[in-house]
Protein backbone atom coordinates (compact mmCIF):
# COMPACT_ATOMS: atom_id res chain seq x y z
CA MET A 1 17.54 -9.21 -12.32
CA THR A 2 17.28 -11.99 -14.86
CA GLN A 3 19.60 -11.09 -17.66
CA LEU A 4 18.43 -12.27 -21.08
CA ASP A 5 20.61 -10.92 -23.84
CA ILE A 6 18.65 -10.06 -26.99
CA ARG A 7 20.73 -7.25 -28.39
CA SER A 8 24.43 -6.45 -28.77
CA ALA A 9 26.17 -3.19 -29.23
CA ARG A 10 26.67 -1.78 -32.68
CA PRO A 11 30.33 -1.31 -33.68
CA ASP A 12 30.04 2.47 -32.98
CA GLN A 13 28.90 1.76 -29.44
CA LEU A 14 31.89 -0.30 -28.41
CA VAL A 15 34.31 1.36 -26.04
CA ALA A 16 38.00 1.16 -26.78
CA GLY A 17 40.35 0.21 -23.96
CA ASP A 18 44.08 -0.28 -24.06
CA LYS A 19 43.70 -3.95 -24.81
CA GLY A 20 40.75 -4.23 -27.15
CA LYS A 21 37.16 -3.17 -27.38
CA TRP A 22 34.41 -3.52 -24.72
CA GLU A 23 30.64 -3.51 -24.65
CA ILE A 24 28.73 -1.65 -21.91
CA ILE A 25 25.65 -3.28 -20.45
CA VAL A 26 23.16 -0.99 -18.64
CA GLY A 27 19.93 -1.68 -16.80
CA LEU A 28 17.86 0.77 -14.80
CA GLU A 29 15.75 0.46 -11.67
CA VAL A 30 13.65 3.59 -11.69
CA HIS A 31 11.83 4.76 -8.56
CA ALA A 32 8.81 6.88 -9.45
CA GLN A 33 6.78 8.46 -6.66
CA VAL A 34 3.07 7.81 -7.12
CA THR A 35 1.00 10.95 -7.63
CA SER A 36 -1.38 10.53 -4.68
CA GLN A 37 -2.70 12.69 -1.88
CA ALA A 38 -2.11 9.98 0.74
CA LYS A 39 0.63 7.46 1.44
CA LEU A 40 0.62 3.83 0.41
CA PHE A 41 -0.54 2.35 3.72
CA SER A 42 -1.74 5.35 5.71
CA GLY A 43 -3.89 8.43 5.36
CA ALA A 44 -1.00 10.79 6.00
CA SER A 45 -0.21 13.46 3.42
CA ALA A 46 2.18 12.46 0.60
CA ALA A 47 2.83 16.11 -0.28
CA TYR A 48 6.41 17.20 -0.83
CA GLY A 49 8.04 19.33 1.83
CA GLY A 50 6.38 20.56 4.99
CA GLU A 51 7.92 20.93 8.41
CA PRO A 52 9.99 17.88 9.41
CA ASN A 53 7.88 15.05 10.77
CA SER A 54 4.62 16.91 10.07
CA HIS A 55 3.24 14.35 7.56
CA VAL A 56 3.54 11.29 9.77
CA SER A 57 0.83 8.96 10.98
CA LEU A 58 1.19 6.33 13.72
CA VAL A 59 1.54 3.74 10.95
CA ASP A 60 4.39 5.64 9.31
CA ALA A 61 6.16 5.97 12.66
CA ALA A 62 5.76 2.18 13.26
CA MET A 63 4.00 2.62 16.57
CA PRO A 64 3.08 -0.76 18.24
CA GLY A 65 -0.18 -2.22 17.10
CA MET A 66 -0.56 -0.01 14.03
CA LEU A 67 -1.49 -1.97 10.89
CA PRO A 68 -1.16 -0.93 7.25
CA VAL A 69 -4.21 -0.42 5.04
CA ILE A 70 -3.70 -0.38 1.26
CA ASN A 71 -4.48 2.76 -0.68
CA ARG A 72 -6.68 1.73 -3.55
CA PHE A 73 -5.79 4.81 -5.61
CA CYS A 74 -2.07 3.93 -5.51
CA VAL A 75 -2.88 0.50 -6.81
CA GLU A 76 -4.93 2.07 -9.63
CA GLN A 77 -1.95 4.32 -10.46
CA ALA A 78 0.36 1.32 -10.67
CA ILE A 79 -2.06 -0.49 -13.00
CA ARG A 80 -2.41 2.62 -15.14
CA THR A 81 1.39 2.81 -15.45
CA GLY A 82 1.69 -0.85 -16.34
CA LEU A 83 -0.86 -0.48 -19.12
CA GLY A 84 1.12 2.56 -20.40
CA LEU A 85 4.21 0.40 -20.53
CA ASN A 86 2.40 -2.29 -22.61
CA ALA A 87 2.95 -4.59 -19.69
CA GLU A 88 1.14 -7.60 -18.21
CA ILE A 89 -1.07 -6.75 -15.19
CA HIS A 90 -1.01 -9.54 -12.62
CA LYS A 91 -4.53 -10.11 -11.22
CA LYS A 92 -2.98 -11.53 -8.05
CA SER A 93 0.07 -9.99 -6.34
CA ARG A 94 1.51 -9.91 -2.87
CA PHE A 95 3.35 -7.63 -0.50
CA ASP A 96 6.57 -8.76 1.17
CA ARG A 97 8.75 -7.46 3.94
CA LYS A 98 12.28 -6.45 2.93
CA ASN A 99 14.29 -6.53 6.08
CA TYR A 100 17.20 -4.20 6.81
CA PHE A 101 18.13 -1.70 9.48
CA TYR A 102 18.53 2.02 9.00
CA PRO A 103 17.56 4.91 11.29
CA ASP A 104 15.08 6.34 8.81
CA LEU A 105 13.26 3.02 8.48
CA PRO A 106 11.30 2.88 11.71
CA GLN A 107 9.70 -0.52 11.13
CA GLY A 108 13.03 -2.21 10.56
CA TYR A 109 11.67 -3.44 7.22
CA GLN A 110 10.23 -2.01 4.01
CA ILE A 111 6.92 -3.21 2.63
CA SER A 112 7.60 -4.05 -1.01
CA GLN A 113 6.79 -6.72 -3.58
CA PHE A 114 9.34 -9.43 -4.35
CA ALA A 115 7.97 -12.75 -5.67
CA MET A 116 4.60 -11.50 -6.98
CA PRO A 117 4.68 -7.95 -8.33
CA ILE A 118 1.59 -6.13 -9.54
CA VAL A 119 2.96 -5.56 -13.05
CA GLY A 120 4.97 -8.02 -15.15
CA GLU A 121 6.81 -7.81 -18.45
CA GLY A 122 6.37 -4.92 -20.78
CA GLU A 123 8.33 -2.77 -23.24
CA ILE A 124 8.84 0.73 -24.59
CA GLU A 125 10.39 2.11 -27.73
CA VAL A 126 13.09 4.78 -27.57
CA GLU A 127 14.99 6.84 -30.15
CA PRO A 128 18.37 7.94 -28.72
CA ASP A 129 19.02 11.38 -30.17
CA GLY A 130 16.82 10.67 -33.15
CA GLU A 131 18.58 7.40 -34.06
CA ASP A 132 16.72 4.29 -35.18
CA ALA A 133 14.20 3.15 -32.60
CA ILE A 134 15.15 0.40 -30.20
CA THR A 135 12.93 -1.61 -27.81
CA ILE A 136 13.80 -1.68 -24.14
CA ARG A 137 12.11 -4.47 -22.22
CA ILE A 138 10.55 -3.92 -18.82
CA GLU A 139 11.01 -6.76 -16.38
CA ARG A 140 8.51 -5.65 -13.75
CA LEU A 141 6.87 -2.87 -11.86
CA HIS A 142 6.21 -3.21 -8.17
CA LEU A 143 4.74 -1.05 -5.45
CA GLU A 144 6.67 -0.27 -2.30
CA GLN A 145 6.82 2.29 0.48
CA ASP A 146 9.59 4.92 0.65
CA ALA A 147 11.85 5.32 3.66
CA GLY A 148 12.37 8.54 5.60
CA LYS A 149 15.27 10.89 5.29
CA SER A 150 18.46 10.93 7.40
CA ILE A 151 20.03 14.40 7.75
CA HIS A 152 23.68 14.45 8.67
CA ASP A 153 24.71 18.04 8.22
CA LEU A 154 22.84 19.80 11.06
CA SER A 155 25.18 18.56 13.80
CA PRO A 156 28.72 17.21 13.90
CA ASN A 157 27.74 14.50 16.36
CA GLU A 158 24.10 13.62 15.61
CA THR A 159 21.91 12.43 12.79
CA PHE A 160 18.38 13.85 12.45
CA VAL A 161 15.55 11.84 10.94
CA ASP A 162 12.56 13.31 8.99
CA LEU A 163 9.80 10.74 8.42
CA ASN A 164 7.62 12.88 6.08
CA ARG A 165 8.62 10.67 3.20
CA SER A 166 8.23 7.40 5.18
CA GLY A 167 5.43 5.40 3.66
CA VAL A 168 5.06 7.45 0.45
CA ALA A 169 4.09 5.14 -2.44
CA LEU A 170 6.77 4.34 -5.00
CA MET A 171 6.65 2.38 -8.25
CA GLU A 172 9.92 0.62 -8.90
CA ILE A 173 10.17 0.01 -12.66
CA VAL A 174 12.92 -2.48 -13.49
CA SER A 175 14.28 -2.74 -17.06
CA ARG A 176 16.11 -5.60 -18.63
CA PRO A 177 19.78 -4.97 -19.30
CA ASP A 178 19.05 -3.89 -22.88
CA MET A 179 20.87 -0.58 -23.03
CA ARG A 180 24.32 -0.40 -24.61
CA SER A 181 25.38 3.18 -23.96
CA ALA A 182 24.83 6.12 -21.69
CA LYS A 183 22.86 7.83 -24.44
CA GLU A 184 20.43 4.91 -24.66
CA ALA A 185 19.93 4.88 -20.89
CA ALA A 186 19.17 8.59 -20.86
CA ALA A 187 16.71 8.15 -23.74
CA TYR A 188 15.01 5.34 -21.91
CA PHE A 189 14.71 7.30 -18.68
CA ASN A 190 13.37 10.39 -20.48
CA LYS A 191 10.81 8.27 -22.35
CA LEU A 192 9.68 6.64 -19.10
CA ARG A 193 9.36 10.02 -17.55
CA ALA A 194 7.29 11.29 -20.46
CA ILE A 195 4.93 8.24 -20.16
CA VAL A 196 4.26 8.56 -16.42
CA ARG A 197 3.77 12.32 -16.68
CA ALA A 198 1.32 11.86 -19.57
CA LEU A 199 -0.52 9.20 -17.50
CA GLY A 200 -0.55 11.45 -14.39
CA THR A 201 0.90 8.68 -12.25
CA CYS A 202 4.13 10.51 -11.32
CA ASP A 203 5.03 14.17 -11.67
CA GLY A 204 8.62 13.27 -12.75
CA ASN A 205 10.11 16.05 -10.67
CA MET A 206 13.71 14.94 -10.32
CA GLU A 207 14.76 17.91 -8.25
CA GLU A 208 12.26 16.88 -5.52
CA GLY A 209 13.29 13.25 -5.82
CA SER A 210 9.97 12.14 -7.34
CA MET A 211 11.83 10.17 -9.94
CA ARG A 212 15.34 8.77 -9.55
CA ALA A 213 17.23 5.75 -10.80
CA ASP A 214 19.58 3.10 -9.59
CA VAL A 215 21.88 2.38 -12.56
CA ASN A 216 23.40 -1.10 -13.07
CA VAL A 217 26.55 -1.07 -15.16
CA SER A 218 28.82 -3.92 -16.29
CA VAL A 219 31.24 -4.39 -19.20
CA ARG A 220 32.32 -7.39 -21.27
CA ARG A 221 34.71 -7.85 -24.14
CA ALA A 222 33.24 -7.26 -27.60
CA ASN A 223 31.67 -10.31 -29.27
CA THR A 224 31.37 -12.31 -26.07
CA LYS A 225 28.22 -13.55 -24.39
CA GLU A 226 29.35 -13.99 -20.80
CA TRP A 227 28.02 -11.32 -18.46
CA GLY A 228 30.40 -9.11 -16.48
CA THR A 229 30.00 -8.33 -12.80
CA ARG A 230 27.64 -5.39 -12.40
CA CYS A 231 27.88 -2.47 -10.01
CA GLU A 232 24.83 -0.50 -8.95
CA ILE A 233 25.01 3.28 -8.78
CA LYS A 234 22.30 4.51 -6.35
CA ASN A 235 19.84 7.37 -6.56
CA VAL A 236 20.90 9.23 -9.70
CA ASN A 237 18.43 12.08 -10.20
CA SER A 238 19.28 13.63 -13.53
CA THR A 239 19.95 12.26 -17.00
CA ARG A 240 23.15 14.36 -17.25
CA PHE A 241 24.51 12.75 -14.08
CA MET A 242 23.27 9.36 -15.25
CA MET A 243 25.29 9.60 -18.43
CA GLN A 244 28.39 10.87 -16.58
CA ALA A 245 28.12 8.07 -14.03
CA ILE A 246 27.75 5.31 -16.71
CA GLU A 247 30.67 6.56 -18.73
CA TYR A 248 32.97 6.92 -15.63
CA GLU A 249 31.94 3.51 -14.24
CA ALA A 250 32.47 1.76 -17.55
CA ARG A 251 35.95 3.24 -17.86
CA ARG A 252 36.78 2.32 -14.25
CA GLN A 253 35.75 -1.33 -14.80
CA ILE A 254 37.64 -1.58 -18.10
CA GLU A 255 40.86 -0.28 -16.53
CA ILE A 256 40.60 -2.78 -13.68
CA LEU A 257 39.90 -5.72 -15.99
CA GLU A 258 42.68 -4.81 -18.48
CA SER A 259 45.21 -4.52 -15.61
CA GLY A 260 44.37 -8.10 -14.54
CA GLY A 261 41.97 -7.28 -11.65
CA SER A 262 38.39 -8.31 -11.10
CA ILE A 263 35.22 -6.32 -10.42
CA ASP A 264 33.61 -6.56 -7.00
CA GLN A 265 29.82 -6.54 -7.04
CA GLU A 266 29.00 -3.49 -5.01
CA THR A 267 26.73 -0.49 -4.57
CA ARG A 268 28.33 2.83 -5.47
CA LEU A 269 27.43 6.53 -5.31
CA PHE A 270 27.98 9.16 -8.01
CA ASP A 271 29.76 12.37 -6.94
CA PRO A 272 28.60 15.04 -9.39
CA ASP A 273 31.29 17.50 -8.27
CA LYS A 274 34.10 15.11 -9.07
CA GLY A 275 32.28 13.33 -11.92
CA GLU A 276 33.13 9.92 -10.45
CA THR A 277 31.56 7.00 -8.62
CA ARG A 278 32.73 5.73 -5.26
CA THR A 279 32.13 2.69 -3.09
CA MET A 280 29.08 2.81 -0.83
CA ARG A 281 28.78 -0.82 0.35
CA SER A 282 28.99 -4.37 -0.91
CA LYS A 283 26.01 -5.26 -3.05
CA GLU A 284 23.30 -7.20 -1.24
CA ASP A 285 21.45 -10.08 -2.93
CA ALA A 286 17.80 -10.89 -2.36
CA HIS A 287 18.56 -13.43 0.32
CA ASP A 288 20.39 -10.79 2.36
CA TYR A 289 17.09 -9.00 2.86
CA ARG A 290 15.23 -12.09 4.15
CA TYR A 291 12.06 -11.43 2.22
CA PHE A 292 8.87 -13.04 3.45
CA PRO A 293 5.18 -12.34 2.84
CA ASP A 294 3.84 -9.48 4.95
CA PRO A 295 1.48 -11.10 7.50
CA ASP A 296 -0.54 -7.86 7.96
CA LEU A 297 -1.60 -7.57 4.30
CA LEU A 298 -3.73 -9.99 2.30
CA PRO A 299 -2.75 -10.84 -1.26
CA LEU A 300 -3.90 -8.14 -3.72
CA VAL A 301 -6.64 -9.56 -6.09
CA ILE A 302 -7.66 -7.41 -9.06
CA GLU A 303 -10.69 -7.99 -11.24
CA GLN A 304 -10.33 -7.77 -15.01
CA ALA A 305 -13.28 -5.41 -15.22
CA TRP A 306 -11.33 -2.84 -13.15
CA ILE A 307 -8.26 -3.25 -15.38
CA ASP A 308 -10.48 -2.73 -18.50
CA GLU A 309 -12.05 0.37 -16.93
CA ILE A 310 -8.64 1.86 -16.24
CA LYS A 311 -7.43 0.97 -19.73
CA ALA A 312 -10.41 2.77 -21.31
CA SER A 313 -9.51 5.97 -19.39
CA LEU A 314 -5.88 6.15 -20.52
CA PRO A 315 -4.87 9.43 -22.18
CA GLU A 316 -3.01 9.81 -25.45
CA LEU A 317 0.60 8.63 -24.83
CA PRO A 318 3.77 10.05 -26.34
CA ASP A 319 4.16 7.60 -29.23
CA ALA A 320 0.57 8.09 -30.38
CA LYS A 321 0.92 11.90 -29.95
CA LYS A 322 4.10 11.87 -32.03
CA ARG A 323 2.35 10.01 -34.86
CA ARG A 324 -0.55 12.47 -34.76
CA PHE A 325 1.74 15.51 -34.81
CA VAL A 326 3.38 14.18 -37.95
CA SER A 327 0.12 13.21 -39.72
CA ASP A 328 -2.11 16.05 -38.66
CA TYR A 329 0.33 18.96 -38.35
CA GLY A 330 2.92 17.93 -40.87
CA LEU A 331 5.78 18.28 -38.36
CA THR A 332 9.16 16.60 -38.82
CA ALA A 333 9.65 13.38 -36.86
CA TYR A 334 12.25 15.20 -34.75
CA ASP A 335 9.96 18.14 -33.81
CA ALA A 336 7.08 15.74 -33.18
CA ARG A 337 9.23 13.61 -30.87
CA VAL A 338 10.52 16.61 -28.90
CA LEU A 339 7.00 18.04 -28.38
CA ALA A 340 5.20 14.75 -27.73
CA GLY A 341 7.87 13.79 -25.19
CA ASP A 342 6.81 16.58 -22.82
CA THR A 343 3.18 16.82 -21.79
CA ASP A 344 3.39 20.55 -21.08
CA ALA A 345 5.19 21.27 -24.28
CA ALA A 346 2.67 19.32 -26.32
CA THR A 347 -0.31 21.14 -24.77
CA TYR A 348 1.44 24.50 -25.22
CA PHE A 349 2.21 23.75 -28.88
CA GLU A 350 -1.37 22.68 -29.74
CA THR A 351 -2.68 25.96 -28.24
CA VAL A 352 -0.25 28.00 -30.26
CA ALA A 353 -0.86 26.00 -33.47
CA LYS A 354 -4.62 26.17 -33.37
CA GLY A 355 -5.71 27.97 -36.59
CA ARG A 356 -2.10 28.91 -37.39
CA ASP A 357 0.86 27.53 -39.34
CA PRO A 358 1.84 24.49 -37.23
CA LYS A 359 5.43 24.36 -38.47
CA LEU A 360 5.99 27.99 -37.53
CA ALA A 361 4.38 27.32 -34.15
CA ALA A 362 6.63 24.31 -33.60
CA ASN A 363 9.77 26.37 -34.49
CA TRP A 364 8.88 29.07 -31.99
CA VAL A 365 8.08 26.63 -29.22
CA THR A 366 11.06 24.27 -29.65
CA GLN A 367 13.61 26.92 -30.57
CA GLU A 368 12.96 30.55 -29.55
CA LEU A 369 10.85 29.81 -26.44
CA ALA A 370 12.82 26.72 -25.30
CA ALA A 371 16.19 28.49 -25.64
CA ALA A 372 15.00 31.54 -23.71
CA LEU A 373 13.48 29.53 -20.89
CA ASN A 374 16.58 27.28 -20.68
CA LYS A 375 18.83 30.33 -20.46
CA ALA A 376 16.67 31.84 -17.67
CA GLY A 377 16.31 28.51 -15.83
CA ILE A 378 12.49 28.59 -16.05
CA GLU A 379 10.20 25.63 -16.57
CA LEU A 380 7.59 25.86 -19.33
CA ALA A 381 4.78 25.74 -16.83
CA ALA A 382 6.10 28.99 -15.25
CA SER A 383 6.77 30.72 -18.58
CA PRO A 384 5.93 34.43 -18.57
CA VAL A 385 4.88 34.02 -22.21
CA LYS A 386 1.64 32.01 -22.22
CA ALA A 387 0.66 29.96 -25.27
CA GLU A 388 -2.21 32.32 -26.20
CA ALA A 389 0.23 35.30 -26.18
CA LEU A 390 2.74 33.49 -28.44
CA GLY A 391 -0.07 32.69 -30.81
CA GLU A 392 -0.99 36.38 -30.92
CA LEU A 393 2.61 37.16 -31.81
CA LEU A 394 2.48 34.73 -34.76
CA ASP A 395 -0.78 36.42 -35.88
CA LEU A 396 1.01 39.74 -36.03
CA ILE A 397 3.68 38.18 -38.26
CA LYS A 398 1.06 36.60 -40.51
CA ASP A 399 -0.99 39.76 -41.02
CA GLY A 400 2.12 41.77 -41.82
CA THR A 401 1.98 43.99 -38.66
CA ILE A 402 5.56 43.00 -37.88
CA ASN A 403 8.31 41.00 -39.63
CA GLY A 404 10.33 38.06 -38.20
CA LYS A 405 13.14 40.28 -36.91
CA ILE A 406 10.84 42.61 -35.07
CA ALA A 407 8.94 39.58 -33.74
CA LYS A 408 12.10 38.47 -31.95
CA ASP A 409 12.47 41.89 -30.33
CA VAL A 410 8.82 41.84 -29.28
CA PHE A 411 9.25 38.37 -27.89
CA ALA A 412 12.19 39.43 -25.75
CA LYS A 413 10.05 42.17 -24.24
CA MET A 414 7.22 39.72 -23.60
CA LEU A 415 9.63 37.55 -21.68
CA GLU A 416 10.77 40.50 -19.59
CA ARG A 417 7.42 41.93 -18.62
CA GLY A 418 4.73 39.47 -19.70
CA ASP A 419 3.01 42.12 -21.81
CA ALA A 420 0.73 41.28 -24.75
CA PRO A 421 2.56 41.42 -28.11
CA GLY A 422 0.09 43.91 -29.66
CA ALA A 423 0.50 46.34 -26.76
CA ILE A 424 4.31 46.20 -27.13
CA VAL A 425 4.14 46.83 -30.86
CA GLU A 426 1.99 49.91 -30.36
CA ARG A 427 3.89 51.28 -27.42
CA GLU A 428 7.31 50.84 -29.00
CA GLY A 429 6.21 51.95 -32.51
CA LEU A 430 7.31 48.65 -34.02
CA ARG A 431 4.78 48.25 -36.79
CA GLN A 432 6.31 47.07 -40.04
CA VAL A 433 6.93 49.72 -42.70
CA THR A 434 4.92 48.83 -45.82
CA ASP A 435 4.91 52.36 -47.24
CA THR A 436 6.61 51.85 -50.61
CA GLY A 437 7.46 55.55 -50.82
CA ALA A 438 9.45 55.48 -47.57
CA ILE A 439 11.23 52.27 -48.66
CA GLU A 440 12.01 53.69 -52.14
CA LYS A 441 13.44 56.84 -50.61
CA ALA A 442 15.76 54.79 -48.34
CA ILE A 443 16.92 52.72 -51.37
CA ASP A 444 17.45 55.80 -53.55
CA GLU A 445 19.68 57.37 -50.87
CA LEU A 446 21.69 54.08 -50.63
CA MET A 447 22.15 53.94 -54.37
CA ALA A 448 23.33 57.51 -54.53
CA ALA A 449 25.92 56.89 -51.77
CA ASN A 450 27.11 53.55 -53.28
CA ALA A 451 27.18 54.01 -57.05
CA ASP A 452 30.12 51.57 -57.39
CA LYS A 453 28.07 48.82 -55.68
CA VAL A 454 25.18 49.36 -58.12
CA ALA A 455 27.36 48.31 -61.02
CA ASP A 456 28.85 45.43 -58.96
CA VAL A 457 25.49 43.88 -58.03
CA GLN A 458 24.53 43.71 -61.72
CA LYS A 459 27.69 41.60 -62.39
CA ASN A 460 27.59 39.70 -59.12
CA PRO A 461 24.01 38.80 -58.05
CA LYS A 462 25.32 37.40 -54.76
CA ALA A 463 25.94 41.01 -53.67
CA PHE A 464 22.18 41.52 -53.59
CA GLY A 465 22.12 40.45 -49.95
CA TRP A 466 24.20 43.44 -48.94
CA TRP A 467 21.52 45.80 -50.41
CA VAL A 468 18.75 44.00 -48.50
CA GLY A 469 20.67 44.23 -45.27
CA GLN A 470 21.49 47.92 -45.72
CA THR A 471 17.90 48.78 -46.60
CA MET A 472 16.60 47.02 -43.55
CA LYS A 473 19.21 48.81 -41.40
CA ALA A 474 18.27 52.19 -42.92
CA THR A 475 14.59 51.58 -42.04
CA GLY A 476 15.36 50.42 -38.46
CA GLY A 477 14.51 46.84 -39.37
CA LYS A 478 10.87 47.73 -39.77
CA ALA A 479 10.57 47.46 -43.55
CA ASN A 480 8.60 44.63 -45.02
CA PRO A 481 11.32 42.25 -46.40
CA ALA A 482 9.12 41.12 -49.34
CA VAL A 483 8.51 44.74 -50.37
CA VAL A 484 12.22 45.60 -49.96
CA ASN A 485 13.23 42.67 -52.21
CA GLU A 486 10.69 43.62 -54.86
CA ILE A 487 11.70 47.28 -55.00
CA LEU A 488 15.41 46.56 -55.00
CA LYS A 489 15.18 44.11 -57.88
CA LYS A 490 13.40 46.72 -59.96
CA LYS A 491 15.75 49.62 -59.14
CA LEU A 492 19.02 47.58 -59.38
CA GLY A 493 17.89 45.62 -62.49
CA VAL A 494 18.63 42.18 -61.12
């Protein structure tokens, strides 16, 4: 990776060691599995799972005489991603052989792109935890085939190999070393995930390994320009682990340097159970892989007309969606960013907000719904409360059928059984009490039982809240809060 330094850490990003302050330098190499039915160079299925070695063609198994044939759709997906990253699309690129031995690499080499990638320099803007936006540069995106999977825990003496993943198309998206904290790295990864999901070029499923990152970490003393020796942490598949790995690795390197040692360039693994990185192997450089042009594949030549056609078909991307949510719906920048950063959440929100108060819709989607699904460990796509049903719940609040407190009780029942909100309200007898006579009776009984507090509230208006709470309690939480407030003010003379 060519390291061009254009930004330094802010003072609050510097890490304190025992002998001064240090700057963390982070770059990511993100592997995103291309959303495609077939593999990069064969017609075998690229679907996740399946019985071991059931999605393997003769090409994937590297049988003698089998030649790769490029999948045009995978090339289109790479171009689409490059355009979404504001990157240069190279009209001529080339596939190379990256040579190394491993049991799950049947060819003895990986077909990748080294000297001439399909996508060149680009950039994306990120806002770490709502801070000021920063620009992270993209160095390149190249296509390559995935390896198979070695399985070591089925036998004490043998390793099993599953080639279902062998030959699946990957996009490797390489950033410049522009990140200066674990938080920035996580924000970059999440933004990248939001973009490829919006484009439909990768499903971003980290649990299935569809998107993972190799994290390059180095440190240097504050206010210096000389680069430190970087270590690469392989195959990190969650932003939480990414942040833990970066922070641990930075501390490890600082301790070594401050004790007079030096950092060995190496590849490391992150152990999530121990929260630490450990040595995997010494870091290879490009020459160790003996790259050379793949003789079985012609250079890839792309016409500008095809690039223009793909560009014209791009969907609305997260940054544009965020701006629209602020301008059209009046959302805060924070809510707009949260919703626009997740394709499913954005679609869900717009369904709920149609013809309704968008700010109320955003609050329910980003707070009540998100918290409930997170607690239950359920993805939004599998939510038992569909967007149309949540919209109906908001309608019941708006027309006065229920109040906000009752709405939360109804929502909890919707989550449990997936019932329609109107049906729950009728079945449970949860309609809001708007009968002023019933509310007045409850208030009169409270005043008779609490004569001392009547005098107190007239001297101390802050005590008014107690009366509201007690009235709501006396009516089972069903009274209309606005009516309660109005009647209380008249009867208490406040």
